[in-house]
Amino acid sequence: MTSRKAITKVYAAILAVIVVGAVAAAAFFLLQPRREVKGVVNLYTSVPMATATAIVKDFQAAYPEAKVELFRSGSTEVMAKIWAEKEAGAIKADVLWIADASVYYKMIEQGLLLKYKSPEAENVPATMKDPDGYWTGARLINMIIAYNTKLVKTPPTSWYDLQTFGKRACMPNPFYSGAAMIVVGTVANSWGWNFFKDMRKAGVLVVRGNSEAAAAVVAGEVDVGMTLDYIALGEKVKGAPIELVWPKEGAFSVPSPVAILSTSKNVDAAKTFVDYVLSKRGQEFMVKESLMPIRPDVTGPAGLPNPKDVKAISIPYRWIADNSENLLSEFDKTMLH
């Protein structure tokens, strides 16, 4: 009896090992990429270089046969490159991922975007994706105010407070930053140009981009600055003397879209990259980079509110797209010359 019991225990142990191994193997295969993807994906993006590089590295860890060639600049410069390539008859980009959501409407009108409804897009709120599948929001970025905690005793509470700080305040340039372009278009459409005229009279500075605005605040070159939430949070996490303010009027919230160019030479790999960016893995990786996720089932980074709790200013994307040249011209006259 004793030997039978011992044998039974041995068999049970072996069976347990087999079951655990089978479960582990199944889990391993489920976590692997759904399909083999080879070739180069040319990604044109305004995501900051360090963050974009980290995201690309994680994608390539999941799909080792794929390679991503990265071109990174401000949204306006990214689009200038695409328009120049279009003029030359050879658009190199496969995937576009920038902050200026209004630009995508222009691209649709010119037949430059491919319809693709990623299976992962089902997890993205309807208001943050194109109903026809031309683009899908991939990260929620918010233009807010940041201030230097060592220099500012009474933090700003309103967008109009930038005028109060005058030369000790700064904002990014819409000629470089797509998010700044969204701010300029929305303000011009809703509040009027007097907002910027008063900023100019007060001496508010215009810097290149959002990273430069946050850096100026951290360095104490200005007291406050208009910048993006995740950039300011990233500095704060590193221990910099910077804090975020969510203005009482609301934040300029942009669902930074990802899209595939209709001229792509590697559509399958491009689709796979879009799938990854929208997937739970991709979104959770972005949270590690202080980015607010677009998916409601992914918890955002500590230090930022949940997307549903963000008071957002309504943005007239199509109007901005239709009036972009006039908006830049007027901003140039009002704030730069």
Protein backbone atom coordinates (compact mmCIF):
# COMPACT_ATOMS: atom_id res chain seq x y z
CA MET A 1 0.00 0.00 0.00
CA THR A 2 2.78 2.33 0.93
CA SER A 3 4.54 1.80 -2.42
CA ARG A 4 1.24 2.32 -4.30
CA LYS A 5 0.67 5.59 -2.47
CA ALA A 6 4.20 6.69 -3.26
CA ILE A 7 3.77 5.82 -6.94
CA THR A 8 0.44 7.69 -6.99
CA LYS A 9 2.09 10.76 -5.51
CA VAL A 10 4.87 10.58 -8.09
CA TYR A 11 2.33 10.34 -10.94
CA ALA A 12 0.36 13.26 -9.46
CA ALA A 13 3.51 15.35 -9.22
CA ILE A 14 4.45 14.52 -12.83
CA LEU A 15 0.92 15.38 -13.98
CA ALA A 16 1.07 18.70 -12.13
CA VAL A 17 4.36 19.55 -13.79
CA ILE A 18 2.89 18.69 -17.21
CA VAL A 19 -0.22 20.82 -16.59
CA VAL A 20 1.81 23.79 -15.31
CA GLY A 21 4.15 23.45 -18.27
CA ALA A 22 1.26 23.33 -20.72
CA VAL A 23 -0.33 26.43 -19.19
CA ALA A 24 2.98 28.27 -19.26
CA ALA A 25 3.57 27.27 -22.87
CA ALA A 26 0.08 28.39 -23.83
CA ALA A 27 0.59 31.69 -22.09
CA PHE A 28 3.94 32.12 -23.81
CA PHE A 29 2.48 31.59 -27.27
CA LEU A 30 -0.50 33.82 -26.54
CA LEU A 31 1.85 36.64 -25.62
CA GLN A 32 3.88 36.29 -28.80
CA PRO A 33 3.22 38.48 -31.86
CA ARG A 34 0.17 37.36 -33.82
CA ARG A 35 2.06 37.18 -37.09
CA GLU A 36 5.54 37.35 -38.50
CA VAL A 37 6.36 40.82 -39.71
CA LYS A 38 9.44 41.65 -41.71
CA GLY A 39 10.90 44.70 -43.36
CA VAL A 40 11.27 48.36 -42.54
CA VAL A 41 8.60 50.68 -41.14
CA ASN A 42 9.36 54.36 -41.64
CA LEU A 43 7.81 56.19 -38.70
CA TYR A 44 7.42 59.98 -38.88
CA THR A 45 6.51 61.33 -35.46
CA SER A 46 6.49 64.29 -33.10
CA VAL A 47 6.77 62.05 -30.02
CA PRO A 48 9.93 63.22 -28.16
CA MET A 49 13.00 61.33 -29.35
CA ALA A 50 13.79 59.51 -26.09
CA THR A 51 10.18 58.32 -25.75
CA ALA A 52 9.82 57.43 -29.42
CA THR A 53 13.09 55.47 -29.33
CA ALA A 54 11.95 53.53 -26.24
CA ILE A 55 8.59 52.68 -27.89
CA VAL A 56 10.31 51.52 -31.08
CA LYS A 57 12.68 49.36 -29.04
CA ASP A 58 9.78 47.64 -27.28
CA PHE A 59 7.98 47.09 -30.61
CA GLN A 60 11.08 45.51 -32.10
CA ALA A 61 11.43 43.26 -29.04
CA ALA A 62 7.96 41.92 -29.86
CA TYR A 63 8.63 41.77 -33.61
CA PRO A 64 12.38 41.13 -34.03
CA GLU A 65 12.11 40.64 -37.80
CA ALA A 66 10.79 44.18 -38.24
CA LYS A 67 12.89 47.32 -38.22
CA VAL A 68 11.66 50.85 -37.58
CA GLU A 69 13.39 53.83 -39.16
CA LEU A 70 12.55 56.91 -37.11
CA PHE A 71 12.21 60.52 -38.22
CA ARG A 72 11.37 62.77 -35.31
CA SER A 73 10.64 66.51 -35.22
CA GLY A 74 7.84 68.90 -34.30
CA SER A 75 4.50 68.23 -36.00
CA THR A 76 4.85 71.21 -38.34
CA GLU A 77 8.33 70.14 -39.50
CA VAL A 78 7.23 66.52 -39.87
CA MET A 79 4.43 67.62 -42.17
CA ALA A 80 6.76 69.95 -44.09
CA LYS A 81 8.90 66.90 -44.83
CA ILE A 82 5.88 64.88 -45.99
CA TRP A 83 4.61 67.70 -48.23
CA ALA A 84 8.10 68.06 -49.73
CA GLU A 85 8.29 64.32 -50.37
CA LYS A 86 4.84 64.40 -51.93
CA GLU A 87 5.94 67.21 -54.23
CA ALA A 88 8.94 65.12 -55.24
CA GLY A 89 6.66 62.14 -55.90
CA ALA A 90 8.19 59.86 -53.27
CA ILE A 91 6.71 59.85 -49.76
CA LYS A 92 8.96 57.69 -47.61
CA ALA A 93 6.80 57.55 -44.46
CA ASP A 94 4.75 54.44 -43.70
CA VAL A 95 3.26 55.60 -40.40
CA LEU A 96 2.45 59.11 -39.19
CA TRP A 97 2.08 59.88 -35.48
CA ILE A 98 1.96 63.57 -34.58
CA ALA A 99 0.10 65.97 -32.29
CA ASP A 100 -1.67 68.21 -34.82
CA ALA A 101 -4.85 66.18 -35.30
CA SER A 102 -6.26 68.75 -37.73
CA VAL A 103 -3.62 67.86 -40.34
CA TYR A 104 -5.11 64.39 -40.81
CA TYR A 105 -8.23 65.91 -42.40
CA LYS A 106 -6.08 67.55 -45.07
CA MET A 107 -4.35 64.26 -45.72
CA ILE A 108 -7.65 62.41 -46.08
CA GLU A 109 -8.84 64.98 -48.62
CA GLN A 110 -5.66 64.43 -50.65
CA GLY A 111 -5.94 60.64 -50.50
CA LEU A 112 -2.76 60.26 -48.47
CA LEU A 113 -4.10 58.06 -45.66
CA LEU A 114 -5.01 54.38 -45.75
CA LYS A 115 -8.22 53.13 -44.17
CA TYR A 116 -7.33 50.68 -41.42
CA LYS A 117 -9.56 49.71 -38.53
CA SER A 118 -7.14 47.99 -36.20
CA PRO A 119 -8.73 45.28 -34.02
CA GLU A 120 -7.15 47.13 -31.09
CA ALA A 121 -9.07 50.29 -32.03
CA GLU A 122 -12.21 48.72 -30.56
CA ASN A 123 -10.76 49.71 -27.18
CA VAL A 124 -10.43 53.38 -28.15
CA PRO A 125 -13.36 55.74 -27.43
CA ALA A 126 -15.36 56.64 -30.55
CA THR A 127 -14.64 60.35 -30.11
CA MET A 128 -10.91 59.66 -30.41
CA LYS A 129 -10.81 57.86 -33.76
CA ASP A 130 -11.96 58.42 -37.32
CA PRO A 131 -15.20 56.51 -38.02
CA ASP A 132 -13.84 55.40 -41.39
CA GLY A 133 -10.58 54.13 -39.92
CA TYR A 134 -8.21 56.70 -41.41
CA TRP A 135 -6.66 57.52 -38.02
CA THR A 136 -6.88 56.46 -34.38
CA GLY A 137 -5.89 58.39 -31.27
CA ALA A 138 -2.82 56.71 -29.76
CA ARG A 139 -2.00 58.87 -26.74
CA LEU A 140 -3.84 61.68 -24.99
CA ILE A 141 -1.63 64.73 -24.66
CA ASN A 142 -2.75 67.81 -22.75
CA MET A 143 -1.48 71.35 -23.05
CA ILE A 144 -1.32 72.74 -19.52
CA ILE A 145 0.66 75.32 -17.55
CA ALA A 146 3.81 74.37 -15.65
CA TYR A 147 5.56 76.53 -13.07
CA ASN A 148 8.85 76.55 -11.20
CA THR A 149 8.15 75.63 -7.57
CA LYS A 150 11.20 77.50 -6.32
CA LEU A 151 10.27 80.77 -7.99
CA VAL A 152 6.47 80.89 -7.89
CA LYS A 153 4.69 81.43 -4.59
CA THR A 154 1.18 81.87 -6.05
CA PRO A 155 0.65 79.36 -8.87
CA PRO A 156 -1.43 80.39 -11.90
CA THR A 157 -4.98 79.05 -12.18
CA SER A 158 -6.06 80.37 -15.58
CA TRP A 159 -4.68 80.58 -19.12
CA TYR A 160 -5.02 84.36 -18.81
CA ASP A 161 -2.51 84.28 -15.94
CA LEU A 162 0.27 83.81 -18.50
CA GLN A 163 -0.20 87.49 -19.31
CA THR A 164 0.32 88.38 -15.65
CA PHE A 165 3.77 86.75 -15.63
CA GLY A 166 4.73 88.62 -18.81
CA LYS A 167 8.41 88.15 -19.71
CA ARG A 168 8.63 85.45 -17.06
CA ALA A 169 6.23 83.28 -19.10
CA CYS A 170 6.67 81.34 -22.34
CA MET A 171 4.76 79.27 -24.86
CA PRO A 172 5.77 76.90 -27.72
CA ASN A 173 5.80 78.02 -31.34
CA PRO A 174 2.99 76.69 -33.61
CA PHE A 175 5.44 76.84 -36.54
CA TYR A 176 7.16 73.89 -34.82
CA SER A 177 4.69 72.34 -32.36
CA GLY A 178 1.46 70.74 -33.56
CA ALA A 179 -0.02 70.94 -30.07
CA ALA A 180 0.71 74.68 -30.03
CA MET A 181 -1.00 74.95 -33.42
CA ILE A 182 -4.09 73.35 -31.89
CA VAL A 183 -3.98 75.91 -29.05
CA VAL A 184 -3.61 78.85 -31.45
CA GLY A 185 -6.46 77.65 -33.67
CA THR A 186 -8.79 76.92 -30.77
CA VAL A 187 -8.09 80.25 -29.05
CA ALA A 188 -8.52 82.20 -32.30
CA ASN A 189 -11.80 80.42 -32.98
CA SER A 190 -13.23 80.65 -29.45
CA TRP A 191 -11.56 83.48 -27.51
CA GLY A 192 -10.27 85.71 -30.29
CA TRP A 193 -6.86 87.15 -31.20
CA ASN A 194 -6.93 89.64 -28.32
CA PHE A 195 -5.70 86.81 -26.09
CA PHE A 196 -2.41 86.69 -28.02
CA LYS A 197 -2.25 90.44 -28.53
CA ASP A 198 -2.37 90.86 -24.75
CA MET A 199 0.28 88.14 -24.37
CA ARG A 200 2.54 90.05 -26.76
CA LYS A 201 2.00 93.35 -24.92
CA ALA A 202 2.90 91.62 -21.65
CA GLY A 203 6.11 90.28 -23.20
CA VAL A 204 5.34 86.53 -23.09
CA LEU A 205 8.16 84.66 -24.84
CA VAL A 206 7.77 82.19 -27.70
CA VAL A 207 10.21 79.26 -27.57
CA ARG A 208 10.73 76.47 -30.10
CA GLY A 209 8.67 73.59 -28.68
CA ASN A 210 7.06 72.05 -25.61
CA SER A 211 10.29 70.43 -24.39
CA GLU A 212 12.03 73.80 -24.61
CA ALA A 213 9.19 75.46 -22.66
CA ALA A 214 9.43 72.87 -19.87
CA ALA A 215 13.23 73.16 -19.85
CA ALA A 216 12.99 76.94 -19.49
CA VAL A 217 10.72 76.52 -16.47
CA VAL A 218 13.02 73.94 -14.88
CA ALA A 219 16.10 76.11 -15.45
CA GLY A 220 14.39 79.15 -13.94
CA GLU A 221 14.72 81.11 -17.20
CA VAL A 222 10.96 81.73 -16.83
CA ASP A 223 8.55 81.24 -13.95
CA VAL A 224 5.74 79.60 -15.92
CA GLY A 225 5.25 78.03 -19.31
CA MET A 226 2.63 76.54 -21.60
CA THR A 227 3.72 72.96 -22.24
CA LEU A 228 2.49 69.36 -22.47
CA ASP A 229 1.53 67.42 -19.37
CA TYR A 230 3.75 64.37 -19.91
CA ILE A 231 6.84 66.47 -20.62
CA ALA A 232 6.38 68.45 -17.40
CA LEU A 233 5.59 65.27 -15.46
CA GLY A 234 8.72 63.60 -16.83
CA GLU A 235 10.81 66.48 -15.48
CA LYS A 236 9.03 66.34 -12.14
CA VAL A 237 9.64 62.59 -11.82
CA LYS A 238 13.35 63.28 -12.31
CA GLY A 239 13.22 65.65 -9.34
CA ALA A 240 13.08 68.97 -11.18
CA PRO A 241 11.38 71.95 -9.43
CA ILE A 242 8.32 71.89 -11.67
CA GLU A 243 4.60 71.47 -11.01
CA LEU A 244 1.59 71.12 -13.28
CA VAL A 245 -1.51 73.36 -13.32
CA TRP A 246 -4.75 72.29 -14.98
CA PRO A 247 -6.28 75.70 -15.85
CA LYS A 248 -9.85 76.37 -14.78
CA GLU A 249 -10.92 76.92 -18.41
CA GLY A 250 -9.73 73.40 -19.20
CA ALA A 251 -6.76 71.74 -20.92
CA PHE A 252 -6.23 71.57 -24.66
CA SER A 253 -6.51 67.78 -24.95
CA VAL A 254 -5.37 66.14 -28.18
CA PRO A 255 -5.74 62.40 -28.95
CA SER A 256 -2.44 62.40 -30.95
CA PRO A 257 -3.47 60.15 -33.86
CA VAL A 258 -1.56 57.36 -35.56
CA ALA A 259 -2.24 56.64 -39.23
CA ILE A 260 -0.85 54.71 -42.19
CA LEU A 261 0.14 56.48 -45.40
CA SER A 262 -1.68 55.25 -48.52
CA THR A 263 1.72 55.30 -50.27
CA SER A 264 3.28 52.87 -47.76
CA LYS A 265 5.61 50.27 -49.25
CA ASN A 266 5.17 47.95 -46.25
CA VAL A 267 1.50 48.06 -45.30
CA ASP A 268 1.50 44.80 -43.31
CA ALA A 269 4.34 45.95 -41.05
CA ALA A 270 2.76 49.39 -40.74
CA LYS A 271 -0.53 47.81 -39.61
CA THR A 272 1.36 45.73 -37.08
CA PHE A 273 3.03 48.82 -35.65
CA VAL A 274 -0.36 50.56 -35.32
CA ASP A 275 -1.76 47.44 -33.64
CA TYR A 276 1.12 47.46 -31.18
CA VAL A 277 0.75 51.16 -30.33
CA LEU A 278 -2.96 50.68 -29.62
CA SER A 279 -2.54 47.35 -27.81
CA LYS A 280 -2.59 46.98 -24.06
CA ARG A 281 1.12 46.20 -24.10
CA GLY A 282 1.91 49.30 -26.13
CA GLN A 283 -0.31 51.55 -24.04
CA GLU A 284 1.08 50.22 -20.77
CA PHE A 285 4.60 50.80 -22.05
CA MET A 286 3.70 54.41 -22.88
CA VAL A 287 2.42 54.90 -19.33
CA LYS A 288 5.96 54.08 -18.14
CA GLU A 289 7.06 57.00 -20.30
CA SER A 290 4.61 59.32 -18.45
CA LEU A 291 2.12 59.34 -21.35
CA MET A 292 -1.64 59.34 -20.73
CA PRO A 293 -3.14 56.23 -22.38
CA ILE A 294 -5.95 56.42 -24.89
CA ARG A 295 -7.49 53.12 -23.74
CA PRO A 296 -9.88 53.29 -20.75
CA ASP A 297 -8.73 49.82 -19.59
CA VAL A 298 -5.15 51.04 -19.02
CA THR A 299 -4.33 52.99 -15.85
CA GLY A 300 -2.48 56.23 -16.49
CA PRO A 301 0.78 57.36 -14.88
CA ALA A 302 0.88 58.56 -11.30
CA GLY A 303 0.75 62.34 -11.21
CA LEU A 304 -1.77 62.73 -14.03
CA PRO A 305 -5.58 62.58 -13.75
CA ASN A 306 -7.64 59.85 -15.38
CA PRO A 307 -8.62 60.89 -18.93
CA LYS A 308 -12.31 60.92 -17.95
CA ASP A 309 -11.55 63.46 -15.22
CA VAL A 310 -9.77 65.92 -17.51
CA LYS A 311 -11.74 69.10 -18.20
CA ALA A 312 -11.08 69.53 -21.91
CA ILE A 313 -11.61 72.58 -24.09
CA SER A 314 -13.55 71.82 -27.28
CA ILE A 315 -11.21 71.84 -30.29
CA PRO A 316 -12.47 72.72 -33.83
CA TYR A 317 -10.10 70.38 -35.71
CA ARG A 318 -11.62 70.73 -39.17
CA TRP A 319 -11.81 74.54 -38.89
CA ILE A 320 -8.14 74.63 -37.89
CA ALA A 321 -7.28 72.43 -40.87
CA ASP A 322 -9.16 74.72 -43.24
CA ASN A 323 -7.56 77.88 -41.82
CA SER A 324 -4.05 76.71 -40.90
CA GLU A 325 -2.15 79.06 -43.22
CA ASN A 326 -4.08 82.12 -42.06
CA LEU A 327 -3.66 81.10 -38.44
CA LEU A 328 0.11 80.83 -38.75
CA SER A 329 0.30 84.11 -40.63
CA GLU A 330 -1.73 85.92 -37.97
CA PHE A 331 0.29 84.36 -35.14
CA ASP A 332 3.49 85.46 -36.86
CA LYS A 333 2.26 89.05 -37.05
CA THR A 334 0.84 89.04 -33.52
CA MET A 335 3.51 87.23 -31.48
CA LEU A 336 6.71 87.10 -33.52
CA HIS A 337 7.03 90.38 -35.42
